[in-house]
Protein backbone atom coordinates (compact mmCIF):
# COMPACT_ATOMS: atom_id res chain seq x y z
CA MET A 1 11.29 -19.21 18.48
CA ARG A 2 12.20 -21.64 15.71
CA ARG A 3 8.63 -22.92 15.57
CA GLU A 4 7.33 -19.37 15.33
CA VAL A 5 9.61 -18.60 12.37
CA VAL A 6 8.53 -21.81 10.61
CA ALA A 7 4.87 -21.00 11.23
CA ILE A 8 5.11 -17.43 9.98
CA ALA A 9 7.07 -18.59 6.93
CA ALA A 10 4.27 -21.01 6.10
CA ALA A 11 1.69 -18.26 6.55
CA VAL A 12 3.72 -15.91 4.35
CA ALA A 13 3.97 -18.55 1.61
CA PHE A 14 0.20 -19.04 1.78
CA LEU A 15 -0.43 -15.31 1.53
CA ILE A 16 1.92 -14.97 -1.46
CA LEU A 17 -0.14 -17.58 -3.29
CA LEU A 18 -3.27 -15.58 -2.54
CA ALA A 19 -1.58 -12.46 -3.92
CA ALA A 20 -0.98 -13.97 -7.35
CA PRO A 21 -3.97 -12.62 -9.35
CA GLU A 22 -2.97 -9.40 -11.14
CA ALA A 23 -6.56 -8.17 -10.92
CA TRP A 24 -6.27 -7.78 -7.15
CA ALA A 25 -3.25 -5.54 -7.59
CA GLN A 26 -5.20 -3.45 -10.09
CA THR A 27 -8.07 -2.90 -7.66
CA ALA A 28 -5.95 -2.44 -4.56
CA ALA A 29 -3.69 0.30 -5.90
CA GLY A 30 -3.44 3.34 -3.72
CA VAL A 31 -5.56 2.13 -0.81
CA GLY A 32 -3.33 1.97 2.26
CA VAL A 33 -4.24 0.16 5.44
CA GLY A 34 -0.68 -0.43 6.62
CA ALA A 35 0.42 -2.74 9.38
CA GLY A 36 -2.56 -3.14 11.64
CA GLY A 37 -5.01 -1.56 9.24
CA THR A 38 -7.24 -4.58 9.59
CA GLY A 39 -7.62 -3.80 13.25
CA ALA A 40 -5.30 -6.60 14.30
CA SER A 41 -2.81 -4.06 15.66
CA THR A 42 -4.66 -4.32 18.97
CA LEU A 43 -3.23 -7.83 19.14
CA GLY A 44 0.47 -8.59 19.31
CA LYS A 45 0.91 -7.57 22.93
CA PRO A 46 3.94 -8.91 24.82
CA GLY A 47 3.13 -12.32 26.23
CA ASP A 48 0.37 -13.04 23.70
CA ASP A 49 1.43 -16.53 22.57
CA LYS A 50 -1.67 -17.40 20.55
CA TRP A 51 -2.02 -17.24 16.77
CA HIS A 52 -4.69 -14.82 15.62
CA TRP A 53 -6.13 -14.78 12.10
CA THR A 54 -7.96 -12.01 10.27
CA LEU A 55 -9.96 -12.44 7.08
CA GLY A 56 -11.86 -9.71 5.31
CA GLY A 57 -12.17 -7.49 2.30
CA GLY A 58 -13.36 -4.13 1.15
CA ALA A 59 -14.24 -1.72 -1.61
CA ALA A 60 -12.61 1.54 -2.61
CA VAL A 61 -12.69 4.44 -5.02
CA VAL A 62 -9.19 5.03 -6.49
CA PRO A 63 -7.60 7.00 -9.34
CA ASP A 64 -7.63 5.15 -12.67
CA TYR A 65 -3.82 5.39 -12.70
CA GLU A 66 -1.24 7.37 -10.73
CA GLY A 67 -1.82 10.95 -11.84
CA SER A 68 -5.31 10.39 -13.26
CA ASN A 69 -8.36 12.56 -12.62
CA ASP A 70 -10.67 9.65 -13.51
CA TYR A 71 -11.80 7.28 -10.77
CA ARG A 72 -12.99 3.69 -10.60
CA GLY A 73 -14.34 1.24 -8.08
CA ALA A 74 -12.06 -1.35 -6.54
CA LEU A 75 -12.23 -4.51 -4.44
CA PHE A 76 -9.43 -5.81 -2.22
CA PRO A 77 -8.72 -8.69 0.19
CA LEU A 78 -7.46 -8.54 3.78
CA VAL A 79 -5.63 -11.52 5.31
CA ARG A 80 -3.46 -11.44 8.43
CA ALA A 81 -1.71 -14.00 10.65
CA GLN A 82 -0.24 -12.81 13.95
CA LYS A 83 1.34 -14.24 17.08
CA GLY A 84 2.47 -11.62 19.53
CA PRO A 85 4.40 -8.96 17.58
CA ILE A 86 5.17 -11.36 14.70
CA TYR A 87 2.80 -11.09 11.75
CA GLY A 88 2.24 -11.43 8.02
CA GLN A 89 -0.42 -9.31 6.33
CA LEU A 90 -1.81 -9.27 2.81
CA GLY A 91 -3.83 -6.23 1.81
CA PRO A 92 -3.84 -2.92 -0.02
CA GLY A 93 -0.79 -0.81 0.67
CA ARG A 94 0.85 2.24 -0.79
CA GLY A 95 0.89 1.70 -4.55
CA GLY A 96 -0.47 -1.82 -4.84
CA LEU A 97 -1.32 -5.10 -3.17
CA ASN A 98 1.22 -5.60 -0.38
CA LEU A 99 2.44 -8.51 1.70
CA GLU A 100 4.05 -6.96 4.78
CA THR A 101 5.70 -8.92 7.60
CA ASN A 102 7.46 -8.52 10.91
CA LEU A 103 9.78 -11.31 12.07
CA ILE A 104 11.27 -9.54 15.12
CA PRO A 105 9.79 -10.65 18.48
CA SER A 106 9.89 -7.13 19.89
CA PRO A 107 7.01 -4.92 21.11
CA ASN A 108 8.66 -1.91 19.44
CA TRP A 109 10.96 -2.86 16.55
CA ARG A 110 9.62 -4.21 13.25
CA LEU A 111 11.54 -5.72 10.34
CA GLY A 112 10.57 -8.22 7.65
CA PRO A 113 10.42 -8.97 3.93
CA LEU A 114 8.00 -7.07 1.72
CA ALA A 115 6.30 -8.26 -1.47
CA GLN A 116 4.19 -6.02 -3.70
CA LEU A 117 2.18 -6.39 -6.87
CA TYR A 118 2.15 -2.96 -8.51
CA PRO A 119 -0.45 -2.28 -11.24
CA GLY A 120 0.26 -0.49 -14.49
CA GLN A 121 -1.85 1.82 -16.65
CA ARG A 122 -3.56 -0.96 -18.58
CA ASP A 123 -7.13 -0.39 -19.84
CA VAL A 124 -7.46 3.10 -18.34
CA LYS A 125 -10.39 5.34 -19.25
CA ASP A 126 -8.25 8.03 -20.90
CA LYS A 127 -7.68 6.60 -24.40
CA ARG A 128 -4.63 8.76 -25.08
CA VAL A 129 -2.90 7.58 -21.89
CA ASP A 130 -3.99 4.03 -22.69
CA LYS A 131 -1.98 4.20 -25.93
CA ILE A 132 1.24 4.74 -23.97
CA HIS A 133 2.89 1.31 -23.80
CA SER A 134 5.22 2.19 -20.94
CA GLY A 135 3.54 1.77 -17.58
CA GLY A 136 1.12 -0.79 -18.96
CA THR A 137 2.42 -3.96 -17.29
CA ALA A 138 1.99 -4.93 -13.65
CA ALA A 139 5.29 -5.12 -11.77
CA PHE A 140 6.27 -7.49 -8.97
CA ASN A 141 8.40 -5.95 -6.23
CA LEU A 142 10.40 -7.46 -3.40
CA GLY A 143 12.02 -5.55 -0.60
CA VAL A 144 11.98 -4.88 3.09
CA SER A 145 9.88 -2.93 5.56
CA GLY A 146 10.85 -1.95 9.06
CA GLY A 147 10.18 0.55 11.76
CA TYR A 148 9.78 1.41 15.40
CA ASP A 149 6.62 1.87 17.48
CA PHE A 150 6.51 4.30 20.40
CA ARG A 151 3.82 2.95 22.74
CA PHE A 152 2.01 5.22 25.20
CA SER A 153 -0.61 4.74 27.87
CA GLY A 154 -4.19 4.26 26.78
CA GLY A 155 -3.29 2.17 23.74
CA LYS A 156 -1.79 5.09 21.78
CA VAL A 157 0.96 4.24 19.29
CA LEU A 158 3.25 6.46 17.21
CA GLY A 159 4.86 4.38 14.46
CA LEU A 160 7.77 5.20 12.16
CA THR A 161 8.10 2.96 9.11
CA VAL A 162 10.23 2.76 5.97
CA LEU A 163 9.28 0.55 3.03
CA ALA A 164 11.75 -0.18 0.24
CA PRO A 165 10.24 -2.16 -2.69
CA PHE A 166 12.53 -3.09 -5.61
CA ASP A 167 11.27 -4.25 -9.01
CA VAL A 168 12.32 -7.86 -9.66
CA SER A 169 10.07 -8.38 -12.69
CA GLY A 170 12.09 -6.20 -15.08
CA VAL A 171 9.16 -3.86 -15.73
CA TYR A 172 10.81 -0.63 -14.57
CA ASP A 173 14.11 -1.85 -13.07
CA GLY A 174 13.98 0.56 -10.17
CA TYR A 175 12.80 1.11 -6.63
CA GLN A 176 10.95 3.37 -4.23
CA ILE A 177 11.85 4.52 -0.72
CA ILE A 178 8.66 5.20 1.25
CA PRO A 179 8.80 6.73 4.75
CA GLU A 180 5.61 6.70 6.83
CA VAL A 181 4.53 8.21 10.14
CA GLU A 182 1.34 6.89 11.72
CA TYR A 183 -0.55 7.60 14.90
CA ARG A 184 -3.09 5.13 16.28
CA MET A 185 -5.38 5.66 19.23
CA PRO A 186 -8.69 4.35 20.62
CA LEU A 187 -11.70 6.65 20.60
CA GLY A 188 -13.78 5.14 23.33
CA LYS A 189 -14.83 1.53 23.75
CA SER A 190 -15.77 0.74 20.13
CA TRP A 191 -14.01 3.33 17.98
CA SER A 192 -10.38 3.77 16.95
CA MET A 193 -8.50 6.18 14.68
CA ARG A 194 -5.37 5.89 12.54
CA LEU A 195 -3.64 8.91 10.96
CA VAL A 196 -0.89 8.36 8.39
CA GLY A 197 1.50 10.74 6.64
CA SER A 198 3.85 9.40 3.99
CA GLY A 199 6.03 10.31 1.03
CA ALA A 200 7.86 8.49 -1.75
CA TYR A 201 11.21 8.83 -3.48
CA ALA A 202 11.22 7.01 -6.84
CA SER A 203 14.20 5.95 -8.94
CA GLY A 204 14.74 7.04 -12.52
CA GLY A 205 13.50 3.67 -13.80
CA TYR A 206 10.20 4.03 -11.95
CA MET A 207 9.69 7.63 -13.03
CA SER A 208 10.52 6.89 -16.66
CA GLU A 209 8.15 3.92 -16.78
CA TYR A 210 5.11 5.58 -15.20
CA PHE A 211 5.54 9.27 -16.06
CA GLY A 212 7.94 9.38 -19.03
CA ILE A 213 6.85 9.43 -22.68
CA ASP A 214 9.29 8.30 -25.37
CA GLN A 215 9.09 9.10 -29.07
CA LYS A 216 6.96 6.06 -29.98
CA ASP A 217 4.55 6.67 -27.10
CA SER A 218 4.29 10.32 -28.13
CA GLN A 219 3.39 9.36 -31.71
CA ARG A 220 0.77 6.83 -30.57
CA SER A 221 -0.87 9.03 -27.94
CA GLY A 222 -0.41 12.54 -29.30
CA LEU A 223 1.11 13.61 -25.98
CA ASP A 224 4.41 15.48 -25.86
CA LYS A 225 7.61 13.55 -25.41
CA TYR A 226 8.70 13.78 -21.77
CA ASN A 227 11.69 12.69 -19.71
CA ALA A 228 11.02 11.94 -16.03
CA ASP A 229 13.98 11.66 -13.66
CA ALA A 230 14.46 10.22 -10.17
CA ALA A 231 12.74 12.43 -7.60
CA PHE A 232 10.76 12.75 -4.42
CA LYS A 233 7.46 12.28 -6.24
CA ASP A 234 4.60 12.67 -3.74
CA ALA A 235 3.32 13.17 -0.23
CA ALA A 236 0.10 11.79 1.23
CA PHE A 237 -2.06 12.09 4.32
CA GLY A 238 -4.84 9.71 5.30
CA ALA A 239 -7.25 8.98 8.13
CA THR A 240 -8.93 5.67 8.90
CA PHE A 241 -11.61 5.03 11.51
CA GLY A 242 -12.40 1.63 12.93
CA TYR A 243 -15.64 0.51 14.57
CA SER A 244 -15.74 -2.75 16.54
CA ILE A 245 -19.13 -4.24 15.69
CA THR A 246 -18.39 -7.15 18.05
CA ASP A 247 -15.25 -8.52 19.69
CA ASN A 248 -14.44 -10.24 16.37
CA TRP A 249 -15.98 -8.09 13.62
CA LEU A 250 -14.39 -4.77 12.66
CA LEU A 251 -15.56 -2.09 10.22
CA ASN A 252 -12.91 0.27 8.77
CA PHE A 253 -13.50 3.33 6.60
CA GLY A 254 -11.38 6.29 5.62
CA GLY A 255 -9.77 8.41 2.96
CA THR A 256 -6.40 9.64 1.70
CA TYR A 257 -5.21 12.75 -0.12
CA LYS A 258 -2.01 12.48 -2.18
CA ARG A 259 -0.19 15.29 -3.98
CA LEU A 260 2.25 14.61 -6.82
CA PHE A 261 5.40 16.74 -7.14
CA GLY A 262 8.14 17.51 -9.63
CA ASP A 263 8.37 15.39 -12.76
CA ALA A 264 5.39 13.30 -11.63
CA LYS A 265 3.25 16.44 -11.50
CA ASP A 266 4.60 17.96 -14.72
CA SER A 267 4.30 14.81 -16.84
CA PRO A 268 1.68 15.08 -19.62
CA VAL A 269 -0.14 12.04 -18.18
CA THR A 270 -0.74 14.18 -15.07
CA ASP A 271 -0.56 17.82 -16.14
CA ASP A 272 -2.39 17.50 -19.49
CA ARG A 273 -4.63 14.48 -18.95
CA GLY A 274 -4.99 14.10 -15.18
CA SER A 275 -4.37 15.89 -11.89
CA ALA A 276 -1.61 16.17 -9.31
CA ASN A 277 -4.30 15.96 -6.60
CA GLN A 278 -5.24 12.35 -5.88
CA LEU A 279 -8.14 11.29 -3.64
CA LEU A 280 -8.84 7.78 -2.36
CA GLY A 281 -11.58 6.35 -0.17
CA SER A 282 -12.27 2.87 1.16
CA VAL A 283 -14.47 0.79 3.44
CA ALA A 284 -13.62 -2.69 4.70
CA VAL A 285 -14.91 -5.33 7.08
CA SER A 286 -12.85 -8.04 8.75
CA TYR A 287 -13.23 -10.93 11.16
CA THR A 288 -10.49 -11.83 13.67
CA TRP A 289 -10.27 -14.95 15.80
């Protein structure tokens, strides 16, 4: 067990180094693959004592910023190390580029540290929103993710997960609480499906940074001054389909619909300049050995 913890810690440190470029966080925002989104969730069975590695990447179409009705292309990496149920995964997650881990050697329970690079609203297409200085700096979050997987016959899995990222970079001095429900199942020999429903509660610091407009921002942008408070800010539903090209190569593609609520929906950056309806789509390929 001690060797496993040392090995996963080394893998996690390696993945954190890969996560450093801010540009990856900018392109990964909003594309969620979640734990096992690379297809490696078929690994990690009890008694599997081998290390498995996954490398890959993908492209996506994402909103220009949270609440935008403009879209842009995006590229993102996928890296995963797994031995039995223990894993570390770098890839796009809810809101940014995520490093998710599980350090519990259980076929059902998951718990591990979470790291996240969260992009701001820098260089967005809407020039009025671009003049708002709040929300313009990428934030680095640390936290925890955990959950429980109900496993059924035929490789079907119902997973309950909670992610709790906290800003440690001083950008918004807040946090999010993100519950997720996912259902994974095979669709024949080569195909698989993953359905995910999620929501997010954001602190006042987060809401003020990304949806609030102070007096100076209002003067620069011409948008009305706006105060955004802590709230349950959105709900999302997504579907991802996987196709096993070979035993090692996997193709993933899917989409997500997210709806903003409350102060996030009513903010001028959303209501006046963007849309509360957010669409995301992605395609990725990965190799596991």
